[in-house]
Amino acid sequence: MSDRFASFQPSQSGPAASAFAITPSDATELAEPTRGIYVGQGGDISVIMLAGEAVVLRSVAAGSILPLRVRRVQATGTTASHLVGLL
């Protein structure tokens, strides 16, 4: 398939070009930092931001896309599920 935007540099505000399933873990960091997180089933999400801060996002609605650069999604404190990392 031809990609008319192949010669453009991706930006943080542009659309995601890749994605991966996120399995929350208190010990394992993601393979690479996200540009965003899609939330399939709503709830709380406990993350470690790229800069190292621990944050709990409360009552995130299903179907939300959060524009977050995170390096880990914690199992403890995360009740949301079907999370997808966007790159």
N, C-alpha and C. Protein backbone atom coordinates (compact mmCIF):
# COMPACT_ATOMS: atom_id res chain seq x y z
N MET A 1 0.83 -1.17 0.00
CA MET A 1 0.00 0.00 0.00
C MET A 1 0.88 1.24 0.00
N SER A 2 0.51 2.20 -0.76
CA SER A 2 1.23 3.46 -0.83
C SER A 2 0.83 4.34 0.34
N ASP A 3 1.82 5.01 0.96
CA ASP A 3 1.57 5.92 2.08
C ASP A 3 2.02 7.31 1.67
N ARG A 4 1.09 8.18 1.37
CA ARG A 4 1.44 9.52 0.90
C ARG A 4 2.15 10.37 1.95
N PHE A 5 2.12 9.93 3.21
CA PHE A 5 2.76 10.69 4.29
C PHE A 5 4.07 10.06 4.75
N ALA A 6 4.59 9.11 4.04
CA ALA A 6 5.81 8.39 4.44
C ALA A 6 7.01 9.32 4.60
N SER A 7 7.06 10.40 3.86
CA SER A 7 8.22 11.30 3.93
C SER A 7 8.08 12.35 5.03
N PHE A 8 6.96 12.37 5.74
CA PHE A 8 6.74 13.34 6.81
C PHE A 8 7.22 12.77 8.14
N GLN A 9 7.75 13.62 9.00
CA GLN A 9 8.13 13.21 10.34
C GLN A 9 6.87 13.11 11.20
N PRO A 10 6.70 12.02 11.95
CA PRO A 10 5.54 11.94 12.84
C PRO A 10 5.66 12.96 13.97
N SER A 11 4.53 13.47 14.42
CA SER A 11 4.53 14.43 15.53
C SER A 11 3.75 13.84 16.70
N GLN A 12 3.95 14.41 17.88
CA GLN A 12 3.24 13.95 19.06
C GLN A 12 1.74 14.20 18.95
N SER A 13 1.33 15.17 18.17
CA SER A 13 -0.09 15.48 18.05
C SER A 13 -0.74 14.78 16.86
N GLY A 14 0.05 14.09 16.06
CA GLY A 14 -0.50 13.38 14.91
C GLY A 14 -1.11 12.05 15.30
N PRO A 15 -1.73 11.38 14.34
CA PRO A 15 -2.36 10.09 14.64
C PRO A 15 -1.34 9.00 14.93
N ALA A 16 -1.75 8.01 15.69
CA ALA A 16 -0.89 6.87 15.99
C ALA A 16 -0.67 6.04 14.74
N ALA A 17 0.50 5.48 14.60
CA ALA A 17 0.82 4.63 13.45
C ALA A 17 1.00 3.18 13.85
N SER A 18 1.06 2.91 15.17
CA SER A 18 1.29 1.56 15.66
C SER A 18 0.61 1.44 17.02
N ALA A 19 0.35 0.19 17.44
CA ALA A 19 -0.32 -0.04 18.72
C ALA A 19 0.09 -1.39 19.28
N PHE A 20 -0.10 -1.56 20.59
CA PHE A 20 0.20 -2.83 21.24
C PHE A 20 -0.68 -2.98 22.48
N ALA A 21 -1.01 -4.21 22.83
CA ALA A 21 -1.79 -4.48 24.04
C ALA A 21 -0.94 -4.20 25.27
N ILE A 22 -1.55 -3.60 26.27
CA ILE A 22 -0.86 -3.30 27.53
C ILE A 22 -1.34 -4.28 28.60
N THR A 23 -0.39 -4.96 29.22
CA THR A 23 -0.67 -5.80 30.37
C THR A 23 -0.11 -5.08 31.60
N PRO A 24 -0.98 -4.56 32.47
CA PRO A 24 -0.48 -3.85 33.64
C PRO A 24 0.45 -4.72 34.48
N SER A 25 1.53 -4.10 34.98
CA SER A 25 2.52 -4.80 35.80
C SER A 25 3.15 -3.81 36.76
N ASP A 26 3.37 -4.25 37.98
CA ASP A 26 4.04 -3.40 38.97
C ASP A 26 5.55 -3.43 38.83
N ALA A 27 6.08 -4.32 38.00
CA ALA A 27 7.53 -4.48 37.90
C ALA A 27 8.09 -4.27 36.50
N THR A 28 7.28 -4.48 35.47
CA THR A 28 7.80 -4.46 34.10
C THR A 28 7.38 -3.19 33.36
N GLU A 29 8.37 -2.48 32.83
CA GLU A 29 8.07 -1.30 32.03
C GLU A 29 7.64 -1.73 30.63
N LEU A 30 6.94 -0.85 29.95
CA LEU A 30 6.53 -1.11 28.58
C LEU A 30 7.76 -1.18 27.68
N ALA A 31 7.64 -1.84 26.54
CA ALA A 31 8.76 -1.96 25.61
C ALA A 31 9.23 -0.59 25.13
N GLU A 32 8.30 0.34 24.99
CA GLU A 32 8.65 1.72 24.67
C GLU A 32 7.55 2.64 25.19
N PRO A 33 7.87 3.91 25.45
CA PRO A 33 6.87 4.83 25.98
C PRO A 33 5.73 5.04 24.98
N THR A 34 4.53 5.21 25.52
CA THR A 34 3.37 5.44 24.67
C THR A 34 3.28 6.89 24.23
N ARG A 35 2.48 7.11 23.18
CA ARG A 35 2.05 8.46 22.80
C ARG A 35 0.64 8.68 23.29
N GLY A 36 -0.03 7.57 23.57
CA GLY A 36 -1.40 7.61 24.07
C GLY A 36 -1.82 6.23 24.53
N ILE A 37 -2.95 6.19 25.25
CA ILE A 37 -3.52 4.92 25.71
C ILE A 37 -5.00 4.91 25.38
N TYR A 38 -5.43 3.84 24.70
CA TYR A 38 -6.85 3.62 24.45
C TYR A 38 -7.38 2.76 25.59
N VAL A 39 -8.54 3.13 26.14
CA VAL A 39 -9.15 2.42 27.26
C VAL A 39 -10.40 1.71 26.75
N GLY A 40 -10.35 0.38 26.69
CA GLY A 40 -11.47 -0.40 26.18
C GLY A 40 -12.60 -0.54 27.19
N GLN A 41 -12.24 -0.80 28.44
CA GLN A 41 -13.22 -0.90 29.52
C GLN A 41 -12.81 0.06 30.61
N GLY A 42 -13.72 0.93 30.99
CA GLY A 42 -13.40 2.02 31.90
C GLY A 42 -13.03 1.60 33.31
N GLY A 43 -12.44 2.54 34.04
CA GLY A 43 -12.03 2.34 35.42
C GLY A 43 -10.86 3.25 35.75
N ASP A 44 -10.12 2.91 36.78
CA ASP A 44 -8.94 3.68 37.18
C ASP A 44 -7.71 3.13 36.46
N ILE A 45 -6.75 4.02 36.19
CA ILE A 45 -5.48 3.61 35.58
C ILE A 45 -4.35 4.22 36.38
N SER A 46 -3.48 3.37 36.89
CA SER A 46 -2.31 3.80 37.65
C SER A 46 -1.10 3.69 36.73
N VAL A 47 -0.43 4.82 36.50
CA VAL A 47 0.69 4.84 35.56
C VAL A 47 1.93 5.45 36.17
N ILE A 48 3.06 5.14 35.56
CA ILE A 48 4.32 5.84 35.80
C ILE A 48 4.59 6.63 34.53
N MET A 49 4.58 7.93 34.66
CA MET A 49 4.79 8.80 33.50
C MET A 49 6.23 8.66 32.99
N LEU A 50 6.47 9.11 31.78
CA LEU A 50 7.79 9.02 31.18
C LEU A 50 8.85 9.68 32.05
N ALA A 51 8.50 10.80 32.70
CA ALA A 51 9.45 11.52 33.56
C ALA A 51 9.58 10.90 34.95
N GLY A 52 8.76 9.88 35.27
CA GLY A 52 8.91 9.17 36.53
C GLY A 52 7.83 9.38 37.57
N GLU A 53 6.91 10.31 37.37
CA GLU A 53 5.86 10.54 38.35
C GLU A 53 4.83 9.41 38.33
N ALA A 54 4.36 9.04 39.51
CA ALA A 54 3.27 8.07 39.64
C ALA A 54 1.95 8.84 39.70
N VAL A 55 1.00 8.44 38.86
CA VAL A 55 -0.28 9.14 38.77
C VAL A 55 -1.39 8.10 38.67
N VAL A 56 -2.51 8.35 39.36
CA VAL A 56 -3.69 7.51 39.21
C VAL A 56 -4.77 8.36 38.55
N LEU A 57 -5.25 7.90 37.42
CA LEU A 57 -6.33 8.57 36.69
C LEU A 57 -7.62 7.86 37.07
N ARG A 58 -8.52 8.58 37.69
CA ARG A 58 -9.73 7.99 38.25
C ARG A 58 -10.91 8.03 37.27
N SER A 59 -11.68 6.96 37.27
CA SER A 59 -12.95 6.87 36.54
C SER A 59 -12.83 7.23 35.07
N VAL A 60 -11.83 6.67 34.40
CA VAL A 60 -11.65 6.92 32.97
C VAL A 60 -12.75 6.16 32.21
N ALA A 61 -13.42 6.83 31.33
CA ALA A 61 -14.53 6.24 30.59
C ALA A 61 -14.05 5.27 29.51
N ALA A 62 -14.82 4.23 29.29
CA ALA A 62 -14.54 3.29 28.20
C ALA A 62 -14.54 4.04 26.88
N GLY A 63 -13.64 3.68 26.00
CA GLY A 63 -13.54 4.33 24.70
C GLY A 63 -12.68 5.59 24.68
N SER A 64 -12.11 5.94 25.84
CA SER A 64 -11.27 7.14 25.92
C SER A 64 -9.91 6.88 25.29
N ILE A 65 -9.34 7.92 24.72
CA ILE A 65 -7.95 7.91 24.30
C ILE A 65 -7.24 9.00 25.10
N LEU A 66 -6.29 8.58 25.92
CA LEU A 66 -5.56 9.50 26.79
C LEU A 66 -4.22 9.84 26.15
N PRO A 67 -3.94 11.11 25.89
CA PRO A 67 -2.66 11.50 25.27
C PRO A 67 -1.53 11.55 26.31
N LEU A 68 -1.08 10.37 26.72
CA LEU A 68 -0.10 10.26 27.79
C LEU A 68 1.17 9.57 27.33
N ARG A 69 2.31 10.09 27.77
CA ARG A 69 3.60 9.44 27.57
C ARG A 69 3.91 8.69 28.86
N VAL A 70 3.67 7.39 28.88
CA VAL A 70 3.91 6.59 30.07
C VAL A 70 4.92 5.50 29.79
N ARG A 71 5.64 5.11 30.84
CA ARG A 71 6.60 4.01 30.69
C ARG A 71 6.12 2.74 31.36
N ARG A 72 5.09 2.85 32.24
CA ARG A 72 4.54 1.66 32.90
C ARG A 72 3.09 1.91 33.27
N VAL A 73 2.28 0.87 33.13
CA VAL A 73 0.92 0.87 33.67
C VAL A 73 0.94 -0.13 34.83
N GLN A 74 0.70 0.38 36.02
CA GLN A 74 0.77 -0.44 37.22
C GLN A 74 -0.44 -1.38 37.33
N ALA A 75 -0.21 -2.60 37.80
CA ALA A 75 -1.32 -3.53 38.07
C ALA A 75 -2.08 -3.06 39.31
N THR A 76 -1.32 -2.66 40.35
CA THR A 76 -1.94 -2.16 41.57
C THR A 76 -2.57 -0.80 41.29
N GLY A 77 -3.86 -0.70 41.52
CA GLY A 77 -4.55 0.57 41.31
C GLY A 77 -5.20 0.70 39.95
N THR A 78 -4.96 -0.24 39.04
CA THR A 78 -5.59 -0.19 37.72
C THR A 78 -6.77 -1.14 37.69
N THR A 79 -7.96 -0.58 37.46
CA THR A 79 -9.17 -1.39 37.33
C THR A 79 -9.70 -1.36 35.91
N ALA A 80 -9.26 -0.41 35.09
CA ALA A 80 -9.63 -0.36 33.68
C ALA A 80 -8.97 -1.56 32.97
N SER A 81 -9.54 -1.97 31.85
CA SER A 81 -8.96 -3.09 31.13
C SER A 81 -9.07 -2.87 29.62
N HIS A 82 -8.56 -3.85 28.88
CA HIS A 82 -8.49 -3.77 27.42
C HIS A 82 -7.75 -2.49 27.00
N LEU A 83 -6.58 -2.30 27.62
CA LEU A 83 -5.77 -1.11 27.36
C LEU A 83 -4.87 -1.36 26.16
N VAL A 84 -4.73 -0.34 25.32
CA VAL A 84 -3.90 -0.41 24.13
C VAL A 84 -2.96 0.77 24.11
N GLY A 85 -1.66 0.50 23.99
CA GLY A 85 -0.66 1.57 23.88
C GLY A 85 -0.61 2.04 22.44
N LEU A 86 -0.64 3.34 22.24
CA LEU A 86 -0.59 3.93 20.91
C LEU A 86 0.77 4.57 20.69
N LEU A 87 1.34 4.33 19.52
CA LEU A 87 2.65 4.87 19.18
C LEU A 87 2.57 5.70 17.92
